[in-house]
Amino acid sequence: MNELISQITQRTGISESQAQQAVQIVTNFLKQRLPGAAASQLDNFIGQGGQGGKSMGQAGQNLGGMFGGSDQPPPTRP
């Protein structure tokens, strides 16, 4: 989870504590909406610090693709 928090702080410029809160909010949101088995896998993945065979960055990219996102960071505004 630390790698995910680090990615969020680097890409958004928010503090580490804010990024940690964001991760918790998103994790709880997903767990409430995923089927039981998938929610359990999410718990296991987060609990292992993302050591389920992929880095957190790769997992985030995969999740982004599942929800129609891309693996590119969002464009910056002038």
PDB file of N, CA and C in Angstrom:
ATOM      1  N   MET A   1       0.825  -1.180   0.000  1.00  0.00           N
ATOM      2  CA  MET A   1       0.000   0.000   0.000  1.00  0.00           C
ATOM      3  C   MET A   1       0.873   1.249   0.000  1.00  0.00           C
ATOM      4  N   ASN A   2       2.061   1.163   0.551  1.00  0.00           N
ATOM      5  CA  ASN A   2       2.951   2.319   0.587  1.00  0.00           C
ATOM      6  C   ASN A   2       3.322   2.798  -0.804  1.00  0.00           C
ATOM      7  N   GLU A   3       3.505   1.863  -1.736  1.00  0.00           N
ATOM      8  CA  GLU A   3       3.841   2.248  -3.104  1.00  0.00           C
ATOM      9  C   GLU A   3       2.684   3.021  -3.739  1.00  0.00           C
ATOM     10  N   LEU A   4       1.459   2.580  -3.498  1.00  0.00           N
ATOM     11  CA  LEU A   4       0.292   3.275  -4.028  1.00  0.00           C
ATOM     12  C   LEU A   4       0.193   4.681  -3.440  1.00  0.00           C
ATOM     13  N   ILE A   5       0.391   4.807  -2.149  1.00  0.00           N
ATOM     14  CA  ILE A   5       0.340   6.120  -1.497  1.00  0.00           C
ATOM     15  C   ILE A   5       1.424   7.028  -2.073  1.00  0.00           C
ATOM     16  N   SER A   6       2.600   6.477  -2.288  1.00  0.00           N
ATOM     17  CA  SER A   6       3.694   7.250  -2.868  1.00  0.00           C
ATOM     18  C   SER A   6       3.343   7.732  -4.273  1.00  0.00           C
ATOM     19  N   GLN A   7       2.763   6.858  -5.071  1.00  0.00           N
ATOM     20  CA  GLN A   7       2.351   7.238  -6.429  1.00  0.00           C
ATOM     21  C   GLN A   7       1.335   8.377  -6.390  1.00  0.00           C
ATOM     22  N   ILE A   8       0.388   8.285  -5.480  1.00  0.00           N
ATOM     23  CA  ILE A   8      -0.643   9.318  -5.377  1.00  0.00           C
ATOM     24  C   ILE A   8      -0.028  10.651  -4.975  1.00  0.00           C
ATOM     25  N   THR A   9       0.867  10.637  -4.000  1.00  0.00           N
ATOM     26  CA  THR A   9       1.480  11.895  -3.561  1.00  0.00           C
ATOM     27  C   THR A   9       2.323  12.512  -4.671  1.00  0.00           C
ATOM     28  N   GLN A  10       3.046  11.688  -5.410  1.00  0.00           N
ATOM     29  CA  GLN A  10       3.884  12.196  -6.497  1.00  0.00           C
ATOM     30  C   GLN A  10       3.046  12.765  -7.631  1.00  0.00           C
ATOM     31  N   ARG A  11       1.972  12.091  -7.986  1.00  0.00           N
ATOM     32  CA  ARG A  11       1.182  12.511  -9.146  1.00  0.00           C
ATOM     33  C   ARG A  11       0.210  13.642  -8.849  1.00  0.00           C
ATOM     34  N   THR A  12      -0.199  13.772  -7.595  1.00  0.00           N
ATOM     35  CA  THR A  12      -1.206  14.790  -7.280  1.00  0.00           C
ATOM     36  C   THR A  12      -0.668  15.950  -6.460  1.00  0.00           C
ATOM     37  N   GLY A  13       0.427  15.729  -5.743  1.00  0.00           N
ATOM     38  CA  GLY A  13       0.983  16.770  -4.901  1.00  0.00           C
ATOM     39  C   GLY A  13       0.306  16.895  -3.538  1.00  0.00           C
ATOM     40  N   ILE A  14      -0.603  15.960  -3.217  1.00  0.00           N
ATOM     41  CA  ILE A  14      -1.241  16.009  -1.902  1.00  0.00           C
ATOM     42  C   ILE A  14      -0.320  15.364  -0.869  1.00  0.00           C
ATOM     43  N   SER A  15      -0.609  15.605   0.394  1.00  0.00           N
ATOM     44  CA  SER A  15       0.234  15.068   1.463  1.00  0.00           C
ATOM     45  C   SER A  15       0.069  13.551   1.571  1.00  0.00           C
ATOM     46  N   GLU A  16       1.025  12.936   2.253  1.00  0.00           N
ATOM     47  CA  GLU A  16       0.975  11.488   2.453  1.00  0.00           C
ATOM     48  C   GLU A  16      -0.266  11.083   3.248  1.00  0.00           C
ATOM     49  N   SER A  17      -0.621  11.865   4.260  1.00  0.00           N
ATOM     50  CA  SER A  17      -1.802  11.506   5.056  1.00  0.00           C
ATOM     51  C   SER A  17      -3.082  11.634   4.232  1.00  0.00           C
ATOM     52  N   GLN A  18      -3.140  12.629   3.352  1.00  0.00           N
ATOM     53  CA  GLN A  18      -4.308  12.761   2.482  1.00  0.00           C
ATOM     54  C   GLN A  18      -4.378  11.600   1.493  1.00  0.00           C
ATOM     55  N   ALA A  19      -3.237  11.205   0.964  1.00  0.00           N
ATOM     56  CA  ALA A  19      -3.201  10.078   0.033  1.00  0.00           C
ATOM     57  C   ALA A  19      -3.618   8.793   0.739  1.00  0.00           C
ATOM     58  N   GLN A  20      -3.179   8.619   1.983  1.00  0.00           N
ATOM     59  CA  GLN A  20      -3.554   7.433   2.742  1.00  0.00           C
ATOM     60  C   GLN A  20      -5.069   7.407   2.968  1.00  0.00           C
ATOM     61  N   GLN A  21      -5.646   8.555   3.285  1.00  0.00           N
ATOM     62  CA  GLN A  21      -7.103   8.632   3.449  1.00  0.00           C
ATOM     63  C   GLN A  21      -7.809   8.280   2.149  1.00  0.00           C
ATOM     64  N   ALA A  22      -7.289   8.783   1.043  1.00  0.00           N
ATOM     65  CA  ALA A  22      -7.896   8.510  -0.264  1.00  0.00           C
ATOM     66  C   ALA A  22      -7.873   7.015  -0.566  1.00  0.00           C
ATOM     67  N   VAL A  23      -6.753   6.373  -0.282  1.00  0.00           N
ATOM     68  CA  VAL A  23      -6.641   4.930  -0.523  1.00  0.00           C
ATOM     69  C   VAL A  23      -7.660   4.171   0.332  1.00  0.00           C
ATOM     70  N   GLN A  24      -7.797   4.553   1.587  1.00  0.00           N
ATOM     71  CA  GLN A  24      -8.764   3.893   2.472  1.00  0.00           C
ATOM     72  C   GLN A  24     -10.195   4.090   1.962  1.00  0.00           C
ATOM     73  N   ILE A  25     -10.511   5.295   1.538  1.00  0.00           N
ATOM     74  CA  ILE A  25     -11.862   5.572   1.027  1.00  0.00           C
ATOM     75  C   ILE A  25     -12.153   4.735  -0.207  1.00  0.00           C
ATOM     76  N   VAL A  26     -11.209   4.711  -1.137  1.00  0.00           N
ATOM     77  CA  VAL A  26     -11.414   3.939  -2.373  1.00  0.00           C
ATOM     78  C   VAL A  26     -11.493   2.446  -2.068  1.00  0.00           C
ATOM     79  N   THR A  27     -10.626   1.964  -1.187  1.00  0.00           N
ATOM     80  CA  THR A  27     -10.644   0.542  -0.820  1.00  0.00           C
ATOM     81  C   THR A  27     -11.990   0.160  -0.207  1.00  0.00           C
ATOM     82  N   ASN A  28     -12.477   0.965   0.730  1.00  0.00           N
ATOM     83  CA  ASN A  28     -13.777   0.677   1.346  1.00  0.00           C
ATOM     84  C   ASN A  28     -14.909   0.752   0.336  1.00  0.00           C
ATOM     85  N   PHE A  29     -14.842   1.723  -0.553  1.00  0.00           N
ATOM     86  CA  PHE A  29     -15.853   1.862  -1.603  1.00  0.00           C
ATOM     87  C   PHE A  29     -15.896   0.608  -2.472  1.00  0.00           C
ATOM     88  N   LEU A  30     -14.735   0.160  -2.914  1.00  0.00           N
ATOM     89  CA  LEU A  30     -14.671  -1.029  -3.771  1.00  0.00           C
ATOM     90  C   LEU A  30     -15.135  -2.276  -3.023  1.00  0.00           C
ATOM     91  N   LYS A  31     -14.712  -2.425  -1.778  1.00  0.00           N
ATOM     92  CA  LYS A  31     -15.106  -3.610  -1.017  1.00  0.00           C
ATOM     93  C   LYS A  31     -16.619  -3.688  -0.835  1.00  0.00           C
ATOM     94  N   GLN A  32     -17.276  -2.552  -0.696  1.00  0.00           N
ATOM     95  CA  GLN A  32     -18.727  -2.542  -0.529  1.00  0.00           C
ATOM     96  C   GLN A  32     -19.458  -2.908  -1.819  1.00  0.00           C
ATOM     97  N   ARG A  33     -18.821  -2.687  -2.939  1.00  0.00           N
ATOM     98  CA  ARG A  33     -19.505  -2.888  -4.214  1.00  0.00           C
ATOM     99  C   ARG A  33     -19.067  -4.134  -4.982  1.00  0.00           C
ATOM    100  N   LEU A  34     -17.970  -4.719  -4.584  1.00  0.00           N
ATOM    101  CA  LEU A  34     -17.499  -5.935  -5.238  1.00  0.00           C
ATOM    102  C   LEU A  34     -18.190  -7.158  -4.652  1.00  0.00           C
ATOM    103  N   PRO A  35     -18.323  -8.212  -5.449  1.00  0.00           N
ATOM    104  CA  PRO A  35     -18.832  -9.467  -4.890  1.00  0.00           C
ATOM    105  C   PRO A  35     -17.900  -9.951  -3.773  1.00  0.00           C
ATOM    106  N   GLY A  36     -18.421 -10.747  -2.867  1.00  0.00           N
ATOM    107  CA  GLY A  36     -17.684 -11.186  -1.688  1.00  0.00           C
ATOM    108  C   GLY A  36     -16.294 -11.719  -1.958  1.00  0.00           C
ATOM    109  N   ALA A  37     -16.168 -12.592  -2.946  1.00  0.00           N
ATOM    110  CA  ALA A  37     -14.863 -13.189  -3.243  1.00  0.00           C
ATOM    111  C   ALA A  37     -13.877 -12.135  -3.730  1.00  0.00           C
ATOM    112  N   ALA A  38     -14.333 -11.233  -4.566  1.00  0.00           N
ATOM    113  CA  ALA A  38     -13.451 -10.187  -5.084  1.00  0.00           C
ATOM    114  C   ALA A  38     -13.054  -9.217  -3.972  1.00  0.00           C
ATOM    115  N   ALA A  39     -14.000  -8.895  -3.089  1.00  0.00           N
ATOM    116  CA  ALA A  39     -13.696  -8.008  -1.961  1.00  0.00           C
ATOM    117  C   ALA A  39     -12.647  -8.646  -1.061  1.00  0.00           C
ATOM    118  N   SER A  40     -12.761  -9.941  -0.858  1.00  0.00           N
ATOM    119  CA  SER A  40     -11.791 -10.659  -0.045  1.00  0.00           C
ATOM    120  C   SER A  40     -10.408 -10.631  -0.699  1.00  0.00           C
ATOM    121  N   GLN A  41     -10.369 -10.804  -2.009  1.00  0.00           N
ATOM    122  CA  GLN A  41      -9.092 -10.746  -2.715  1.00  0.00           C
ATOM    123  C   GLN A  41      -8.475  -9.359  -2.615  1.00  0.00           C
ATOM    124  N   LEU A  42      -9.310  -8.326  -2.670  1.00  0.00           N
ATOM    125  CA  LEU A  42      -8.814  -6.969  -2.514  1.00  0.00           C
ATOM    126  C   LEU A  42      -8.200  -6.795  -1.134  1.00  0.00           C
ATOM    127  N   ASP A  43      -8.879  -7.291  -0.106  1.00  0.00           N
ATOM    128  CA  ASP A  43      -8.325  -7.250   1.257  1.00  0.00           C
ATOM    129  C   ASP A  43      -6.972  -7.945   1.318  1.00  0.00           C
ATOM    130  N   ASN A  44      -6.894  -9.131   0.719  1.00  0.00           N
ATOM    131  CA  ASN A  44      -5.643  -9.886   0.734  1.00  0.00           C
ATOM    132  C   ASN A  44      -4.543  -9.127   0.004  1.00  0.00           C
ATOM    133  N   PHE A  45      -4.871  -8.546  -1.130  1.00  0.00           N
ATOM    134  CA  PHE A  45      -3.889  -7.823  -1.925  1.00  0.00           C
ATOM    135  C   PHE A  45      -3.378  -6.603  -1.160  1.00  0.00           C
ATOM    136  N   ILE A  46      -4.292  -5.809  -0.618  1.00  0.00           N
ATOM    137  CA  ILE A  46      -3.903  -4.616   0.127  1.00  0.00           C
ATOM    138  C   ILE A  46      -3.127  -5.013   1.375  1.00  0.00           C
ATOM    139  N   GLY A  47      -3.562  -6.062   2.051  1.00  0.00           N
ATOM    140  CA  GLY A  47      -2.898  -6.524   3.267  1.00  0.00           C
ATOM    141  C   GLY A  47      -1.478  -6.999   3.022  1.00  0.00           C
ATOM    142  N   GLN A  48      -1.204  -7.499   1.819  1.00  0.00           N
ATOM    143  CA  GLN A  48       0.133  -7.964   1.474  1.00  0.00           C
ATOM    144  C   GLN A  48       0.999  -6.835   0.955  1.00  0.00           C
ATOM    145  N   GLY A  49       0.465  -5.631   0.931  1.00  0.00           N
ATOM    146  CA  GLY A  49       1.235  -4.505   0.421  1.00  0.00           C
ATOM    147  C   GLY A  49       1.433  -4.590  -1.072  1.00  0.00           C
ATOM    148  N   GLY A  50       0.513  -5.277  -1.748  1.00  0.00           N
ATOM    149  CA  GLY A  50       0.615  -5.356  -3.198  1.00  0.00           C
ATOM    150  C   GLY A  50       1.559  -6.431  -3.677  1.00  0.00           C
ATOM    151  N   GLN A  51       1.910  -7.381  -2.838  1.00  0.00           N
ATOM    152  CA  GLN A  51       2.869  -8.407  -3.221  1.00  0.00           C
ATOM    153  C   GLN A  51       2.208  -9.618  -3.856  1.00  0.00           C
ATOM    154  N   GLY A  52       1.032  -9.448  -4.386  1.00  0.00           N
ATOM    155  CA  GLY A  52       0.311 -10.554  -5.008  1.00  0.00           C
ATOM    156  C   GLY A  52       0.764 -10.841  -6.423  1.00  0.00           C
ATOM    157  N   GLY A  53       2.038 -10.656  -6.732  1.00  0.00           N
ATOM    158  CA  GLY A  53       2.543 -10.958  -8.057  1.00  0.00           C
ATOM    159  C   GLY A  53       2.648  -9.733  -8.939  1.00  0.00           C
ATOM    160  N   LYS A  54       2.140  -8.606  -8.521  1.00  0.00           N
ATOM    161  CA  LYS A  54       2.202  -7.385  -9.309  1.00  0.00           C
ATOM    162  C   LYS A  54       2.540  -6.230  -8.384  1.00  0.00           C
ATOM    163  N   SER A  55       3.127  -5.220  -8.952  1.00  0.00           N
ATOM    164  CA  SER A  55       3.346  -4.023  -8.138  1.00  0.00           C
ATOM    165  C   SER A  55       2.039  -3.258  -8.042  1.00  0.00           C
ATOM    166  N   MET A  56       1.926  -2.367  -7.066  1.00  0.00           N
ATOM    167  CA  MET A  56       0.717  -1.572  -6.925  1.00  0.00           C
ATOM    168  C   MET A  56       0.499  -0.725  -8.173  1.00  0.00           C
ATOM    169  N   GLY A  57       1.562  -0.234  -8.775  1.00  0.00           N
ATOM    170  CA  GLY A  57       1.418   0.567  -9.983  1.00  0.00           C
ATOM    171  C   GLY A  57       0.789  -0.234 -11.105  1.00  0.00           C
ATOM    172  N   GLN A  58       1.234  -1.467 -11.279  1.00  0.00           N
ATOM    173  CA  GLN A  58       0.649  -2.323 -12.300  1.00  0.00           C
ATOM    174  C   GLN A  58      -0.801  -2.629 -11.984  1.00  0.00           C
ATOM    175  N   ALA A  59      -1.086  -2.876 -10.734  1.00  0.00           N
ATOM    176  CA  ALA A  59      -2.459  -3.174 -10.347  1.00  0.00           C
ATOM    177  C   ALA A  59      -3.353  -1.968 -10.600  1.00  0.00           C
ATOM    178  N   GLY A  60      -2.866  -0.784 -10.297  1.00  0.00           N
ATOM    179  CA  GLY A  60      -3.638   0.424 -10.544  1.00  0.00           C
ATOM    180  C   GLY A  60      -3.910   0.622 -12.024  1.00  0.00           C
ATOM    181  N   GLN A  61      -2.926   0.332 -12.842  1.00  0.00           N
ATOM    182  CA  GLN A  61      -3.124   0.439 -14.281  1.00  0.00           C
ATOM    183  C   GLN A  61      -4.162  -0.574 -14.762  1.00  0.00           C
ATOM    184  N   ASN A  62      -4.098  -1.779 -14.230  1.00  0.00           N
ATOM    185  CA  ASN A  62      -5.075  -2.794 -14.612  1.00  0.00           C
ATOM    186  C   ASN A  62      -6.478  -2.385 -14.192  1.00  0.00           C
ATOM    187  N   LEU A  63      -6.613  -1.857 -12.980  1.00  0.00           N
ATOM    188  CA  LEU A  63      -7.927  -1.394 -12.530  1.00  0.00           C
ATOM    189  C   LEU A  63      -8.415  -0.246 -13.387  1.00  0.00           C
ATOM    190  N   GLY A  64      -7.514   0.667 -13.750  1.00  0.00           N
ATOM    191  CA  GLY A  64      -7.896   1.775 -14.610  1.00  0.00           C
ATOM    192  C   GLY A  64      -8.417   1.274 -15.943  1.00  0.00           C
ATOM    193  N   GLY A  65      -7.774   0.260 -16.496  1.00  0.00           N
ATOM    194  CA  GLY A  65      -8.227  -0.314 -17.754  1.00  0.00           C
ATOM    195  C   GLY A  65      -9.584  -0.981 -17.630  1.00  0.00           C
ATOM    196  N   MET A  66      -9.830  -1.601 -16.471  1.00  0.00           N
ATOM    197  CA  MET A  66     -11.125  -2.253 -16.254  1.00  0.00           C
ATOM    198  C   MET A  66     -12.259  -1.239 -16.245  1.00  0.00           C
ATOM    199  N   PHE A  67     -11.962  -0.018 -15.784  1.00  0.00           N
ATOM    200  CA  PHE A  67     -12.989   1.000 -15.665  1.00  0.00           C
ATOM    201  C   PHE A  67     -12.919   2.015 -16.794  1.00  0.00           C
ATOM    202  N   GLY A  68     -12.254   1.662 -17.874  1.00  0.00           N
ATOM    203  CA  GLY A  68     -12.224   2.516 -19.050  1.00  0.00           C
ATOM    204  C   GLY A  68     -11.123   3.558 -19.025  1.00  0.00           C
ATOM    205  N   GLY A  69     -10.227   3.478 -18.070  1.00  0.00           N
ATOM    206  CA  GLY A  69      -9.132   4.442 -18.004  1.00  0.00           C
ATOM    207  C   GLY A  69      -7.977   4.000 -18.875  1.00  0.00           C
ATOM    208  N   SER A  70      -6.927   4.776 -18.830  1.00  0.00           N
ATOM    209  CA  SER A  70      -5.727   4.405 -19.570  1.00  0.00           C
ATOM    210  C   SER A  70      -4.574   4.307 -18.598  1.00  0.00           C
ATOM    211  N   ASP A  71      -3.458   3.798 -19.098  1.00  0.00           N
ATOM    212  CA  ASP A  71      -2.297   3.693 -18.227  1.00  0.00           C
ATOM    213  C   ASP A  71      -1.471   4.971 -18.252  1.00  0.00           C
ATOM    214  N   GLN A  72      -1.954   5.986 -18.948  1.00  0.00           N
ATOM    215  CA  GLN A  72      -1.275   7.273 -19.005  1.00  0.00           C
ATOM    216  C   GLN A  72      -1.763   8.165 -17.871  1.00  0.00           C
ATOM    217  N   PRO A  73      -0.880   8.967 -17.284  1.00  0.00           N
ATOM    218  CA  PRO A  73      -1.326   9.897 -16.261  1.00  0.00           C
ATOM    219  C   PRO A  73      -2.258  10.933 -16.886  1.00  0.00           C
ATOM    220  N   PRO A  74      -3.147  11.523 -16.096  1.00  0.00           N
ATOM    221  CA  PRO A  74      -4.049  12.511 -16.648  1.00  0.00           C
ATOM    222  C   PRO A  74      -3.281  13.719 -17.157  1.00  0.00           C
ATOM    223  N   PRO A  75      -3.794  14.393 -18.189  1.00  0.00           N
ATOM    224  CA  PRO A  75      -3.100  15.563 -18.703  1.00  0.00           C
ATOM    225  C   PRO A  75      -3.098  16.680 -17.665  1.00  0.00           C
ATOM    226  N   THR A  76      -2.036  17.465 -17.710  1.00  0.00           N
ATOM    227  CA  THR A  76      -1.964  18.608 -16.799  1.00  0.00           C
ATOM    228  C   THR A  76      -2.643  19.798 -17.442  1.00  0.00           C
ATOM    229  N   ARG A  77      -3.195  20.629 -16.601  1.00  0.00           N
ATOM    230  CA  ARG A  77      -3.883  21.827 -17.118  1.00  0.00           C
ATOM    231  C   ARG A  77      -2.934  22.997 -17.089  1.00  0.00           C
ATOM    232  N   PRO A  78      -3.015  23.851 -18.103  1.00  0.00           N
ATOM    233  CA  PRO A  78      -2.105  25.030 -18.129  1.00  0.00           C
ATOM    234  C   PRO A  78      -2.457  26.022 -17.059  1.00  0.00           C
TER     235      PRO A  78
END
